[in-house]
Amino acid sequence: MPTNVFRCLLLSLAIVDSGSYAASGHEQDQLGLVQQQLDVIERLAAKAERSGSAHSNERYRFDYPRLAEDIQRIRLGVRSYLFPTRAQPRDLGEPVGDYRLDTASTESSP
């Protein structure tokens, strides 16, 4: 399930990055689709998080809160591009991209 989330997120990033600065009607439509895809990605991630919480004994877990922050960052970037408050879109920073959490082992180490 997380693999599908990654693919959708990367597709959304590629679409946003490929057509910058000229918000034509077609581009606005495409970026509107990106916003819809981000909604779908959020729902998929929430569903995956609920189903993955049952396996809390694993050493590595997916960092869903970080993914949610990156999705929000992308959403704000698209929105600020489509509805700018100033001449140039502002840089919201880059997505983190590393979603693996190293959970502390329940056993004590020697």
PDB file of N, CA and C in Angstrom:
ATOM      1  N   MET A   1       0.810  -1.201   0.000  1.00  0.00           N
ATOM      2  CA  MET A   1       0.000   0.000   0.000  1.00  0.00           C
ATOM      3  C   MET A   1       0.856   1.269   0.000  1.00  0.00           C
ATOM      4  N   PRO A   2       1.901   1.389   0.862  1.00  0.00           N
ATOM      5  CA  PRO A   2       2.717   2.601   0.829  1.00  0.00           C
ATOM      6  C   PRO A   2       3.383   2.829  -0.520  1.00  0.00           C
ATOM      7  N   THR A   3       3.668   1.762  -1.288  1.00  0.00           N
ATOM      8  CA  THR A   3       4.279   1.931  -2.599  1.00  0.00           C
ATOM      9  C   THR A   3       3.361   2.725  -3.514  1.00  0.00           C
ATOM     10  N   ASN A   4       2.070   2.465  -3.465  1.00  0.00           N
ATOM     11  CA  ASN A   4       1.121   3.226  -4.271  1.00  0.00           C
ATOM     12  C   ASN A   4       1.087   4.679  -3.844  1.00  0.00           C
ATOM     13  N   VAL A   5       1.201   4.925  -2.555  1.00  0.00           N
ATOM     14  CA  VAL A   5       1.231   6.293  -2.045  1.00  0.00           C
ATOM     15  C   VAL A   5       2.439   7.016  -2.610  1.00  0.00           C
ATOM     16  N   PHE A   6       3.601   6.361  -2.602  1.00  0.00           N
ATOM     17  CA  PHE A   6       4.819   6.968  -3.143  1.00  0.00           C
ATOM     18  C   PHE A   6       4.659   7.286  -4.622  1.00  0.00           C
ATOM     19  N   ARG A   7       4.107   6.347  -5.370  1.00  0.00           N
ATOM     20  CA  ARG A   7       3.948   6.566  -6.812  1.00  0.00           C
ATOM     21  C   ARG A   7       3.041   7.756  -7.089  1.00  0.00           C
ATOM     22  N   CYS A   8       1.942   7.842  -6.377  1.00  0.00           N
ATOM     23  CA  CYS A   8       1.026   8.972  -6.570  1.00  0.00           C
ATOM     24  C   CYS A   8       1.690  10.284  -6.173  1.00  0.00           C
ATOM     25  N   LEU A   9       2.434  10.272  -5.080  1.00  0.00           N
ATOM     26  CA  LEU A   9       3.122  11.481  -4.633  1.00  0.00           C
ATOM     27  C   LEU A   9       4.169  11.912  -5.647  1.00  0.00           C
ATOM     28  N   LEU A  10       4.940  10.969  -6.161  1.00  0.00           N
ATOM     29  CA  LEU A  10       5.960  11.304  -7.149  1.00  0.00           C
ATOM     30  C   LEU A  10       5.335  11.806  -8.449  1.00  0.00           C
ATOM     31  N   LEU A  11       4.229  11.211  -8.864  1.00  0.00           N
ATOM     32  CA  LEU A  11       3.522  11.676 -10.052  1.00  0.00           C
ATOM     33  C   LEU A  11       3.045  13.106  -9.855  1.00  0.00           C
ATOM     34  N   SER A  12       2.508  13.382  -8.692  1.00  0.00           N
ATOM     35  CA  SER A  12       2.041  14.728  -8.397  1.00  0.00           C
ATOM     36  C   SER A  12       3.184  15.723  -8.420  1.00  0.00           C
ATOM     37  N   LEU A  13       4.318  15.346  -7.858  1.00  0.00           N
ATOM     38  CA  LEU A  13       5.486  16.218  -7.869  1.00  0.00           C
ATOM     39  C   LEU A  13       5.965  16.471  -9.289  1.00  0.00           C
ATOM     40  N   ALA A  14       5.975  15.449 -10.111  1.00  0.00           N
ATOM     41  CA  ALA A  14       6.439  15.600 -11.489  1.00  0.00           C
ATOM     42  C   ALA A  14       5.523  16.533 -12.268  1.00  0.00           C
ATOM     43  N   ILE A  15       4.226  16.423 -12.058  1.00  0.00           N
ATOM     44  CA  ILE A  15       3.283  17.293 -12.762  1.00  0.00           C
ATOM     45  C   ILE A  15       3.453  18.730 -12.312  1.00  0.00           C
ATOM     46  N   VAL A  16       3.604  18.943 -11.009  1.00  0.00           N
ATOM     47  CA  VAL A  16       3.776  20.301 -10.490  1.00  0.00           C
ATOM     48  C   VAL A  16       5.059  20.899 -11.014  1.00  0.00           C
ATOM     49  N   ASP A  17       6.149  20.129 -11.045  1.00  0.00           N
ATOM     50  CA  ASP A  17       7.447  20.649 -11.430  1.00  0.00           C
ATOM     51  C   ASP A  17       7.556  20.898 -12.929  1.00  0.00           C
ATOM     52  N   SER A  18       6.831  20.141 -13.739  1.00  0.00           N
ATOM     53  CA  SER A  18       7.024  20.208 -15.176  1.00  0.00           C
ATOM     54  C   SER A  18       6.482  21.480 -15.809  1.00  0.00           C
ATOM     55  N   GLY A  19       5.487  22.104 -15.267  1.00  0.00           N
ATOM     56  CA  GLY A  19       4.900  23.246 -15.936  1.00  0.00           C
ATOM     57  C   GLY A  19       4.823  24.452 -15.046  1.00  0.00           C
ATOM     58  N   SER A  20       5.970  25.012 -14.704  1.00  0.00           N
ATOM     59  CA  SER A  20       5.961  26.106 -13.749  1.00  0.00           C
ATOM     60  C   SER A  20       5.823  27.453 -14.434  1.00  0.00           C
ATOM     61  N   TYR A  21       5.239  28.392 -13.740  1.00  0.00           N
ATOM     62  CA  TYR A  21       5.169  29.815 -14.037  1.00  0.00           C
ATOM     63  C   TYR A  21       4.175  30.255 -15.098  1.00  0.00           C
ATOM     64  N   ALA A  22       3.563  29.397 -15.857  1.00  0.00           N
ATOM     65  CA  ALA A  22       2.611  29.851 -16.868  1.00  0.00           C
ATOM     66  C   ALA A  22       1.282  29.151 -16.648  1.00  0.00           C
ATOM     67  N   ALA A  23       0.454  29.730 -15.825  1.00  0.00           N
ATOM     68  CA  ALA A  23      -0.800  29.083 -15.450  1.00  0.00           C
ATOM     69  C   ALA A  23      -1.846  29.280 -16.547  1.00  0.00           C
ATOM     70  N   SER A  24      -1.722  28.505 -17.622  1.00  0.00           N
ATOM     71  CA  SER A  24      -2.725  28.525 -18.680  1.00  0.00           C
ATOM     72  C   SER A  24      -3.957  27.771 -18.186  1.00  0.00           C
ATOM     73  N   GLY A  25      -4.996  27.805 -18.967  1.00  0.00           N
ATOM     74  CA  GLY A  25      -6.209  27.084 -18.582  1.00  0.00           C
ATOM     75  C   GLY A  25      -5.967  25.601 -18.443  1.00  0.00           C
ATOM     76  N   HIS A  26      -5.201  25.040 -19.382  1.00  0.00           N
ATOM     77  CA  HIS A  26      -4.887  23.606 -19.312  1.00  0.00           C
ATOM     78  C   HIS A  26      -4.060  23.296 -18.077  1.00  0.00           C
ATOM     79  N   GLU A  27      -3.088  24.154 -17.794  1.00  0.00           N
ATOM     80  CA  GLU A  27      -2.237  23.935 -16.622  1.00  0.00           C
ATOM     81  C   GLU A  27      -3.056  24.035 -15.340  1.00  0.00           C
ATOM     82  N   GLN A  28      -3.954  24.974 -15.275  1.00  0.00           N
ATOM     83  CA  GLN A  28      -4.816  25.098 -14.090  1.00  0.00           C
ATOM     84  C   GLN A  28      -5.644  23.838 -13.899  1.00  0.00           C
ATOM     85  N   ASP A  29      -6.146  23.292 -15.000  1.00  0.00           N
ATOM     86  CA  ASP A  29      -6.906  22.041 -14.914  1.00  0.00           C
ATOM     87  C   ASP A  29      -6.033  20.906 -14.389  1.00  0.00           C
ATOM     88  N   GLN A  30      -4.800  20.822 -14.911  1.00  0.00           N
ATOM     89  CA  GLN A  30      -3.897  19.763 -14.487  1.00  0.00           C
ATOM     90  C   GLN A  30      -3.519  19.908 -13.014  1.00  0.00           C
ATOM     91  N   LEU A  31      -3.283  21.128 -12.579  1.00  0.00           N
ATOM     92  CA  LEU A  31      -2.942  21.344 -11.178  1.00  0.00           C
ATOM     93  C   LEU A  31      -4.148  21.102 -10.275  1.00  0.00           C
ATOM     94  N   GLY A  32      -5.346  21.345 -10.786  1.00  0.00           N
ATOM     95  CA  GLY A  32      -6.549  20.977 -10.036  1.00  0.00           C
ATOM     96  C   GLY A  32      -6.617  19.469  -9.833  1.00  0.00           C
ATOM     97  N   LEU A  33      -6.217  18.729 -10.874  1.00  0.00           N
ATOM     98  CA  LEU A  33      -6.158  17.263 -10.750  1.00  0.00           C
ATOM     99  C   LEU A  33      -5.100  16.845  -9.741  1.00  0.00           C
ATOM    100  N   VAL A  34      -3.991  17.554  -9.703  1.00  0.00           N
ATOM    101  CA  VAL A  34      -2.958  17.259  -8.718  1.00  0.00           C
ATOM    102  C   VAL A  34      -3.527  17.422  -7.312  1.00  0.00           C
ATOM    103  N   GLN A  35      -4.282  18.492  -7.095  1.00  0.00           N
ATOM    104  CA  GLN A  35      -4.900  18.720  -5.780  1.00  0.00           C
ATOM    105  C   GLN A  35      -5.831  17.552  -5.423  1.00  0.00           C
ATOM    106  N   GLN A  36      -6.587  17.082  -6.403  1.00  0.00           N
ATOM    107  CA  GLN A  36      -7.473  15.936  -6.145  1.00  0.00           C
ATOM    108  C   GLN A  36      -6.666  14.681  -5.835  1.00  0.00           C
ATOM    109  N   GLN A  37      -5.560  14.495  -6.545  1.00  0.00           N
ATOM    110  CA  GLN A  37      -4.718  13.327  -6.297  1.00  0.00           C
ATOM    111  C   GLN A  37      -4.081  13.391  -4.914  1.00  0.00           C
ATOM    112  N   LEU A  38      -3.740  14.587  -4.473  1.00  0.00           N
ATOM    113  CA  LEU A  38      -3.203  14.725  -3.119  1.00  0.00           C
ATOM    114  C   LEU A  38      -4.241  14.323  -2.077  1.00  0.00           C
ATOM    115  N   ASP A  39      -5.506  14.649  -2.335  1.00  0.00           N
ATOM    116  CA  ASP A  39      -6.579  14.211  -1.434  1.00  0.00           C
ATOM    117  C   ASP A  39      -6.643  12.690  -1.378  1.00  0.00           C
ATOM    118  N   VAL A  40      -6.538  12.054  -2.541  1.00  0.00           N
ATOM    119  CA  VAL A  40      -6.577  10.594  -2.604  1.00  0.00           C
ATOM    120  C   VAL A  40      -5.375  10.000  -1.872  1.00  0.00           C
ATOM    121  N   ILE A  41      -4.202  10.591  -2.077  1.00  0.00           N
ATOM    122  CA  ILE A  41      -2.995  10.098  -1.405  1.00  0.00           C
ATOM    123  C   ILE A  41      -3.155  10.199   0.102  1.00  0.00           C
ATOM    124  N   GLU A  42      -3.718  11.299   0.575  1.00  0.00           N
ATOM    125  CA  GLU A  42      -3.937  11.446   2.026  1.00  0.00           C
ATOM    126  C   GLU A  42      -4.862  10.372   2.556  1.00  0.00           C
ATOM    127  N   ARG A  43      -5.933  10.091   1.818  1.00  0.00           N
ATOM    128  CA  ARG A  43      -6.859   9.046   2.265  1.00  0.00           C
ATOM    129  C   ARG A  43      -6.193   7.675   2.262  1.00  0.00           C
ATOM    130  N   LEU A  44      -5.400   7.385   1.215  1.00  0.00           N
ATOM    131  CA  LEU A  44      -4.691   6.103   1.158  1.00  0.00           C
ATOM    132  C   LEU A  44      -3.687   5.975   2.296  1.00  0.00           C
ATOM    133  N   ALA A  45      -2.986   7.061   2.580  1.00  0.00           N
ATOM    134  CA  ALA A  45      -2.000   7.027   3.662  1.00  0.00           C
ATOM    135  C   ALA A  45      -2.680   6.829   5.007  1.00  0.00           C
ATOM    136  N   ALA A  46      -3.827   7.481   5.221  1.00  0.00           N
ATOM    137  CA  ALA A  46      -4.553   7.317   6.480  1.00  0.00           C
ATOM    138  C   ALA A  46      -5.034   5.876   6.636  1.00  0.00           C
ATOM    139  N   LYS A  47      -5.507   5.299   5.528  1.00  0.00           N
ATOM    140  CA  LYS A  47      -5.960   3.903   5.562  1.00  0.00           C
ATOM    141  C   LYS A  47      -4.784   2.963   5.845  1.00  0.00           C
ATOM    142  N   ALA A  48      -3.644   3.226   5.195  1.00  0.00           N
ATOM    143  CA  ALA A  48      -2.454   2.393   5.423  1.00  0.00           C
ATOM    144  C   ALA A  48      -1.956   2.539   6.852  1.00  0.00           C
ATOM    145  N   GLU A  49      -2.033   3.746   7.399  1.00  0.00           N
ATOM    146  CA  GLU A  49      -1.595   3.962   8.780  1.00  0.00           C
ATOM    147  C   GLU A  49      -2.466   3.191   9.758  1.00  0.00           C
ATOM    148  N   ARG A  50      -3.769   3.213   9.531  1.00  0.00           N
ATOM    149  CA  ARG A  50      -4.678   2.462  10.416  1.00  0.00           C
ATOM    150  C   ARG A  50      -4.405   0.963  10.345  1.00  0.00           C
ATOM    151  N   SER A  51      -4.171   0.454   9.133  1.00  0.00           N
ATOM    152  CA  SER A  51      -3.926  -0.987   9.005  1.00  0.00           C
ATOM    153  C   SER A  51      -2.527  -1.366   9.485  1.00  0.00           C
ATOM    154  N   GLY A  52      -1.574  -0.445   9.426  1.00  0.00           N
ATOM    155  CA  GLY A  52      -0.210  -0.741   9.852  1.00  0.00           C
ATOM    156  C   GLY A  52       0.006  -0.605  11.334  1.00  0.00           C
ATOM    157  N   SER A  53      -0.888   0.053  12.049  1.00  0.00           N
ATOM    158  CA  SER A  53      -0.690   0.261  13.480  1.00  0.00           C
ATOM    159  C   SER A  53      -0.813  -1.040  14.277  1.00  0.00           C
ATOM    160  N   ALA A  54      -1.388  -2.056  13.677  1.00  0.00           N
ATOM    161  CA  ALA A  54      -1.509  -3.340  14.370  1.00  0.00           C
ATOM    162  C   ALA A  54      -0.163  -4.063  14.462  1.00  0.00           C
ATOM    163  N   HIS A  55       0.778  -3.674  13.615  1.00  0.00           N
ATOM    164  CA  HIS A  55       2.090  -4.320  13.576  1.00  0.00           C
ATOM    165  C   HIS A  55       3.129  -3.416  14.222  1.00  0.00           C
ATOM    166  N   SER A  56       2.901  -3.002  15.449  1.00  0.00           N
ATOM    167  CA  SER A  56       3.781  -2.041  16.107  1.00  0.00           C
ATOM    168  C   SER A  56       5.063  -2.664  16.649  1.00  0.00           C
ATOM    169  N   ASN A  57       5.247  -3.971  16.520  1.00  0.00           N
ATOM    170  CA  ASN A  57       6.453  -4.621  17.026  1.00  0.00           C
ATOM    171  C   ASN A  57       7.605  -4.575  16.036  1.00  0.00           C
ATOM    172  N   GLU A  58       7.383  -4.030  14.845  1.00  0.00           N
ATOM    173  CA  GLU A  58       8.420  -3.991  13.829  1.00  0.00           C
ATOM    174  C   GLU A  58       9.458  -2.922  14.154  1.00  0.00           C
ATOM    175  N   ARG A  59      10.686  -3.170  13.719  1.00  0.00           N
ATOM    176  CA  ARG A  59      11.763  -2.217  14.019  1.00  0.00           C
ATOM    177  C   ARG A  59      11.585  -0.910  13.257  1.00  0.00           C
ATOM    178  N   TYR A  60      11.203  -0.993  11.983  1.00  0.00           N
ATOM    179  CA  TYR A  60      11.008   0.191  11.168  1.00  0.00           C
ATOM    180  C   TYR A  60       9.529   0.370  10.853  1.00  0.00           C
ATOM    181  N   ARG A  61       9.113   1.597  10.944  1.00  0.00           N
ATOM    182  CA  ARG A  61       7.731   1.934  10.607  1.00  0.00           C
ATOM    183  C   ARG A  61       7.742   3.077   9.607  1.00  0.00           C
ATOM    184  N   PHE A  62       6.669   3.199   8.874  1.00  0.00           N
ATOM    185  CA  PHE A  62       6.518   4.295   7.927  1.00  0.00           C
ATOM    186  C   PHE A  62       6.150   5.557   8.699  1.00  0.00           C
ATOM    187  N   ASP A  63       6.766   6.668   8.357  1.00  0.00           N
ATOM    188  CA  ASP A  63       6.544   7.938   9.051  1.00  0.00           C
ATOM    189  C   ASP A  63       5.381   8.689   8.396  1.00  0.00           C
ATOM    190  N   TYR A  64       4.179   8.333   8.778  1.00  0.00           N
ATOM    191  CA  TYR A  64       2.981   8.941   8.200  1.00  0.00           C
ATOM    192  C   TYR A  64       2.848  10.431   8.508  1.00  0.00           C
ATOM    193  N   PRO A  65       3.180  10.885   9.701  1.00  0.00           N
ATOM    194  CA  PRO A  65       3.095  12.331   9.941  1.00  0.00           C
ATOM    195  C   PRO A  65       4.012  13.139   9.015  1.00  0.00           C
ATOM    196  N   ARG A  66       5.196  12.628   8.733  1.00  0.00           N
ATOM    197  CA  ARG A  66       6.103  13.331   7.827  1.00  0.00           C
ATOM    198  C   ARG A  66       5.531  13.355   6.417  1.00  0.00           C
ATOM    199  N   LEU A  67       4.939  12.260   5.981  1.00  0.00           N
ATOM    200  CA  LEU A  67       4.296  12.221   4.676  1.00  0.00           C
ATOM    201  C   LEU A  67       3.174  13.250   4.617  1.00  0.00           C
ATOM    202  N   ALA A  68       2.375  13.329   5.672  1.00  0.00           N
ATOM    203  CA  ALA A  68       1.273  14.294   5.707  1.00  0.00           C
ATOM    204  C   ALA A  68       1.797  15.731   5.613  1.00  0.00           C
ATOM    205  N   GLU A  69       2.910  16.013   6.267  1.00  0.00           N
ATOM    206  CA  GLU A  69       3.519  17.347   6.181  1.00  0.00           C
ATOM    207  C   GLU A  69       3.976  17.653   4.765  1.00  0.00           C
ATOM    208  N   ASP A  70       4.587  16.674   4.096  1.00  0.00           N
ATOM    209  CA  ASP A  70       5.045  16.888   2.730  1.00  0.00           C
ATOM    210  C   ASP A  70       3.872  17.079   1.769  1.00  0.00           C
ATOM    211  N   ILE A  71       2.818  16.317   1.958  1.00  0.00           N
ATOM    212  CA  ILE A  71       1.631  16.486   1.116  1.00  0.00           C
ATOM    213  C   ILE A  71       1.054  17.884   1.311  1.00  0.00           C
ATOM    214  N   GLN A  72       1.001  18.329   2.558  1.00  0.00           N
ATOM    215  CA  GLN A  72       0.495  19.673   2.830  1.00  0.00           C
ATOM    216  C   GLN A  72       1.400  20.727   2.196  1.00  0.00           C
ATOM    217  N   ARG A  73       2.699  20.514   2.240  1.00  0.00           N
ATOM    218  CA  ARG A  73       3.659  21.448   1.634  1.00  0.00           C
ATOM    219  C   ARG A  73       3.437  21.530   0.122  1.00  0.00           C
ATOM    220  N   ILE A  74       3.228  20.380  -0.516  1.00  0.00           N
ATOM    221  CA  ILE A  74       2.957  20.356  -1.957  1.00  0.00           C
ATOM    222  C   ILE A  74       1.647  21.065  -2.251  1.00  0.00           C
ATOM    223  N   ARG A  75       0.622  20.766  -1.456  1.00  0.00           N
ATOM    224  CA  ARG A  75      -0.689  21.384  -1.660  1.00  0.00           C
ATOM    225  C   ARG A  75      -0.591  22.913  -1.550  1.00  0.00           C
ATOM    226  N   LEU A  76       0.127  23.398  -0.550  1.00  0.00           N
ATOM    227  CA  LEU A  76       0.283  24.844  -0.389  1.00  0.00           C
ATOM    228  C   LEU A  76       1.066  25.453  -1.546  1.00  0.00           C
ATOM    229  N   GLY A  77       2.061  24.722  -2.045  1.00  0.00           N
ATOM    230  CA  GLY A  77       2.826  25.215  -3.185  1.00  0.00           C
ATOM    231  C   GLY A  77       1.977  25.350  -4.434  1.00  0.00           C
ATOM    232  N   VAL A  78       1.145  24.348  -4.706  1.00  0.00           N
ATOM    233  CA  VAL A  78       0.264  24.408  -5.866  1.00  0.00           C
ATOM    234  C   VAL A  78      -0.742  25.541  -5.691  1.00  0.00           C
ATOM    235  N   ARG A  79      -1.322  25.628  -4.509  1.00  0.00           N
ATOM    236  CA  ARG A  79      -2.323  26.667  -4.253  1.00  0.00           C
ATOM    237  C   ARG A  79      -1.719  28.066  -4.378  1.00  0.00           C
ATOM    238  N   SER A  80      -0.509  28.259  -3.845  1.00  0.00           N
ATOM    239  CA  SER A  80       0.103  29.585  -3.926  1.00  0.00           C
ATOM    240  C   SER A  80       0.512  29.921  -5.358  1.00  0.00           C
ATOM    241  N   TYR A  81       0.773  28.897  -6.176  1.00  0.00           N
ATOM    242  CA  TYR A  81       1.070  29.137  -7.582  1.00  0.00           C
ATOM    243  C   TYR A  81      -0.193  29.524  -8.339  1.00  0.00           C
ATOM    244  N   LEU A  82      -1.277  28.798  -8.080  1.00  0.00           N
ATOM    245  CA  LEU A  82      -2.530  29.088  -8.781  1.00  0.00           C
ATOM    246  C   LEU A  82      -3.151  30.409  -8.332  1.00  0.00           C
ATOM    247  N   PHE A  83      -2.986  30.739  -7.077  1.00  0.00           N
ATOM    248  CA  PHE A  83      -3.566  31.960  -6.517  1.00  0.00           C
ATOM    249  C   PHE A  83      -2.474  32.744  -5.807  1.00  0.00           C
ATOM    250  N   PRO A  84      -1.542  33.331  -6.566  1.00  0.00           N
ATOM    251  CA  PRO A  84      -0.396  33.998  -5.939  1.00  0.00           C
ATOM    252  C   PRO A  84      -0.816  35.254  -5.178  1.00  0.00           C
ATOM    253  N   THR A  85      -0.117  35.488  -4.082  1.00  0.00           N
ATOM    254  CA  THR A  85      -0.338  36.704  -3.310  1.00  0.00           C
ATOM    255  C   THR A  85       0.704  37.748  -3.662  1.00  0.00           C
ATOM    256  N   ARG A  86       1.732  37.310  -4.410  1.00  0.00           N
ATOM    257  CA  ARG A  86       2.764  38.226  -4.881  1.00  0.00           C
ATOM    258  C   ARG A  86       3.257  37.724  -6.234  1.00  0.00           C
ATOM    259  N   ALA A  87       4.189  38.419  -6.839  1.00  0.00           N
ATOM    260  CA  ALA A  87       4.594  38.148  -8.216  1.00  0.00           C
ATOM    261  C   ALA A  87       5.160  36.743  -8.420  1.00  0.00           C
ATOM    262  N   GLN A  88       6.015  36.257  -7.545  1.00  0.00           N
ATOM    263  CA  GLN A  88       6.650  34.951  -7.704  1.00  0.00           C
ATOM    264  C   GLN A  88       6.169  33.986  -6.623  1.00  0.00           C
ATOM    265  N   PRO A  89       5.976  32.707  -6.989  1.00  0.00           N
ATOM    266  CA  PRO A  89       5.643  31.719  -5.954  1.00  0.00           C
ATOM    267  C   PRO A  89       6.793  31.610  -4.961  1.00  0.00           C
ATOM    268  N   ARG A  90       6.455  31.463  -3.711  1.00  0.00           N
ATOM    269  CA  ARG A  90       7.506  31.355  -2.698  1.00  0.00           C
ATOM    270  C   ARG A  90       7.927  29.905  -2.532  1.00  0.00           C
ATOM    271  N   ASP A  91       9.157  29.731  -2.088  1.00  0.00           N
ATOM    272  CA  ASP A  91       9.712  28.402  -1.888  1.00  0.00           C
ATOM    273  C   ASP A  91       9.278  27.890  -0.527  1.00  0.00           C
ATOM    274  N   LEU A  92       8.541  26.793  -0.507  1.00  0.00           N
ATOM    275  CA  LEU A  92       8.058  26.212   0.744  1.00  0.00           C
ATOM    276  C   LEU A  92       9.017  25.158   1.287  1.00  0.00           C
ATOM    277  N   GLY A  93      10.145  24.989   0.648  1.00  0.00           N
ATOM    278  CA  GLY A  93      11.085  23.957   1.081  1.00  0.00           C
ATOM    279  C   GLY A  93      10.838  22.678   0.309  1.00  0.00           C
ATOM    280  N   GLU A  94      11.762  21.772   0.440  1.00  0.00           N
ATOM    281  CA  GLU A  94      11.654  20.510  -0.273  1.00  0.00           C
ATOM    282  C   GLU A  94      11.043  19.449   0.620  1.00  0.00           C
ATOM    283  N   PRO A  95      10.284  18.517   0.028  1.00  0.00           N
ATOM    284  CA  PRO A  95       9.771  17.405   0.821  1.00  0.00           C
ATOM    285  C   PRO A  95      10.934  16.613   1.406  1.00  0.00           C
ATOM    286  N   VAL A  96      10.711  16.052   2.560  1.00  0.00           N
ATOM    287  CA  VAL A  96      11.764  15.314   3.240  1.00  0.00           C
ATOM    288  C   VAL A  96      12.097  14.040   2.480  1.00  0.00           C
ATOM    289  N   GLY A  97      11.093  13.262   2.144  1.00  0.00           N
ATOM    290  CA  GLY A  97      11.296  12.080   1.330  1.00  0.00           C
ATOM    291  C   GLY A  97      11.713  10.821   2.074  1.00  0.00           C
ATOM    292  N   ASP A  98      12.166  10.924   3.299  1.00  0.00           N
ATOM    293  CA  ASP A  98      12.585   9.749   4.067  1.00  0.00           C
ATOM    294  C   ASP A  98      11.486   9.454   5.086  1.00  0.00           C
ATOM    295  N   TYR A  99      10.756   8.367   4.861  1.00  0.00           N
ATOM    296  CA  TYR A  99       9.584   8.084   5.679  1.00  0.00           C
ATOM    297  C   TYR A  99       9.743   6.844   6.551  1.00  0.00           C
ATOM    298  N   ARG A 100      10.963   6.411   6.786  1.00  0.00           N
ATOM    299  CA  ARG A 100      11.181   5.217   7.607  1.00  0.00           C
ATOM    300  C   ARG A 100      11.587   5.657   9.006  1.00  0.00           C
ATOM    301  N   LEU A 101      10.864   5.185  10.001  1.00  0.00           N
ATOM    302  CA  LEU A 101      11.174   5.467  11.396  1.00  0.00           C
ATOM    303  C   LEU A 101      11.885   4.275  12.002  1.00  0.00           C
ATOM    304  N   ASP A 102      12.930   4.519  12.732  1.00  0.00           N
ATOM    305  CA  ASP A 102      13.636   3.477  13.459  1.00  0.00           C
ATOM    306  C   ASP A 102      13.087   3.461  14.863  1.00  0.00           C
ATOM    307  N   THR A 103      12.262   2.480  15.176  1.00  0.00           N
ATOM    308  CA  THR A 103      11.662   2.403  16.499  1.00  0.00           C
ATOM    309  C   THR A 103      12.625   1.760  17.470  1.00  0.00           C
ATOM    310  N   ALA A 104      12.591   2.209  18.681  1.00  0.00           N
ATOM    311  CA  ALA A 104      13.490   1.668  19.707  1.00  0.00           C
ATOM    312  C   ALA A 104      13.087   0.231  20.014  1.00  0.00           C
ATOM    313  N   SER A 105      14.081  -0.610  20.171  1.00  0.00           N
ATOM    314  CA  SER A 105      13.851  -2.002  20.473  1.00  0.00           C
ATOM    315  C   SER A 105      13.338  -2.124  21.911  1.00  0.00           C
ATOM    316  N   THR A 106      12.425  -3.059  22.140  1.00  0.00           N
ATOM    317  CA  THR A 106      11.891  -3.263  23.484  1.00  0.00           C
ATOM    318  C   THR A 106      12.873  -4.014  24.357  1.00  0.00           C
ATOM    319  N   GLU A 107      13.846  -4.700  23.724  1.00  0.00           N
ATOM    320  CA  GLU A 107      14.862  -5.416  24.486  1.00  0.00           C
ATOM    321  C   GLU A 107      15.996  -4.450  24.835  1.00  0.00           C
ATOM    322  N   SER A 108      16.555  -4.626  26.007  1.00  0.00           N
ATOM    323  CA  SER A 108      17.689  -3.790  26.386  1.00  0.00           C
ATOM    324  C   SER A 108      18.953  -4.355  25.765  1.00  0.00           C
ATOM    325  N   SER A 109      19.803  -3.472  25.246  1.00  0.00           N
ATOM    326  CA  SER A 109      21.038  -3.941  24.625  1.00  0.00           C
ATOM    327  C   SER A 109      22.127  -4.076  25.677  1.00  0.00           C
ATOM    328  N   PRO A 110      23.101  -4.984  25.462  1.00  0.00           N
ATOM    329  CA  PRO A 110      24.152  -5.228  26.463  1.00  0.00           C
ATOM    330  C   PRO A 110      25.087  -4.062  26.606  1.00  0.00           C
TER     331      PRO A 110
END
